[in-house]
Every structure is written in structure tokens, then in C-alpha cells.
């Protein structure tokens, strides 16, 4: 199951993009968006998110 973004919590800081090992996260309308087919479910983005906007 790929990472899921809580768009209400996401501040658009892009920390998750820096953490993502598979380049599965991009910004869409100022919020993080996860490409499910590219996500490897590693959880690095979750650890890197300062506002806890990502989950698995």
C-alpha cells in the first residue's frame, strides 16, 4: 500500500520529496502527491514529514 497524503495537514514544504527514494512524490497544487505505482512503501517520507501529513 503506497503512502497517503493528508492534504489538510500538508504544508507543501517538500521535505517528503527530498526523503523519497523512488521519486514517487511530487507537488500538485502546493500539496504532496504520491504516485502509487512508484511508491515502494519504505516510509522514509513519513519520517521526514514535520507535520505528520503522510501515512502508510
Protein backbone atom coordinates (compact mmCIF):
# COMPACT_ATOMS: atom_id res chain seq x y z
CA UNK A 1 0.00 0.00 0.00
CA UNK A 2 1.52 3.35 -1.02
CA UNK A 3 1.92 6.35 1.24
CA UNK A 4 -1.17 8.53 1.63
CA UNK A 5 -1.13 12.32 1.99
CA UNK A 6 -3.49 14.14 4.34
CA UNK A 7 -3.89 17.28 2.23
CA UNK A 8 -5.37 19.22 5.15
CA UNK A 9 -2.16 18.72 7.14
CA UNK A 10 0.30 19.08 4.23
CA UNK A 11 2.01 22.47 4.22
CA UNK A 12 3.83 21.96 0.92
CA UNK A 13 7.29 22.11 2.50
CA UNK A 14 8.63 19.42 0.10
CA UNK A 15 10.55 17.55 2.83
CA UNK A 16 8.95 14.31 1.68
CA UNK A 17 10.24 14.82 -1.85
CA UNK A 18 13.80 15.01 -0.51
CA UNK A 19 13.26 11.82 1.52
CA UNK A 20 11.58 9.73 -1.19
CA UNK A 21 13.96 7.05 -2.50
CA UNK A 22 11.83 6.22 -5.53
CA UNK A 23 10.92 9.74 -6.71
CA UNK A 24 7.24 8.87 -6.20
CA UNK A 25 6.25 12.21 -4.65
CA UNK A 26 5.58 15.44 -6.49
CA UNK A 27 3.78 18.65 -5.69
CA UNK A 28 0.27 19.19 -7.09
CA UNK A 29 -1.46 22.48 -6.31
CA UNK A 30 1.01 23.12 -3.48
CA UNK A 31 0.46 19.76 -1.78
CA UNK A 32 2.39 16.48 -1.85
CA UNK A 33 1.03 13.82 -4.17
CA UNK A 34 2.20 10.18 -4.18
CA UNK A 35 2.38 8.18 -7.41
CA UNK A 36 1.11 4.80 -6.18
CA UNK A 37 2.85 2.78 -8.90
CA UNK A 38 6.26 4.24 -8.00
CA UNK A 39 5.96 4.16 -4.19
CA UNK A 40 7.99 1.33 -2.60
CA UNK A 41 6.30 1.61 0.82
CA UNK A 42 9.56 2.36 2.62
CA UNK A 43 8.13 5.01 4.97
CA UNK A 44 11.02 7.46 4.55
CA UNK A 45 8.61 10.25 3.61
CA UNK A 46 6.62 9.67 6.78
CA UNK A 47 9.71 10.07 8.95
CA UNK A 48 10.70 13.19 7.01
CA UNK A 49 7.36 15.00 7.27
CA UNK A 50 7.45 17.64 10.02
CA UNK A 51 3.63 17.92 10.20
CA UNK A 52 2.81 14.18 10.04
CA UNK A 53 0.79 14.56 6.83
CA UNK A 54 1.84 11.19 5.41
CA UNK A 55 0.91 7.66 6.44
CA UNK A 56 1.05 4.13 5.08
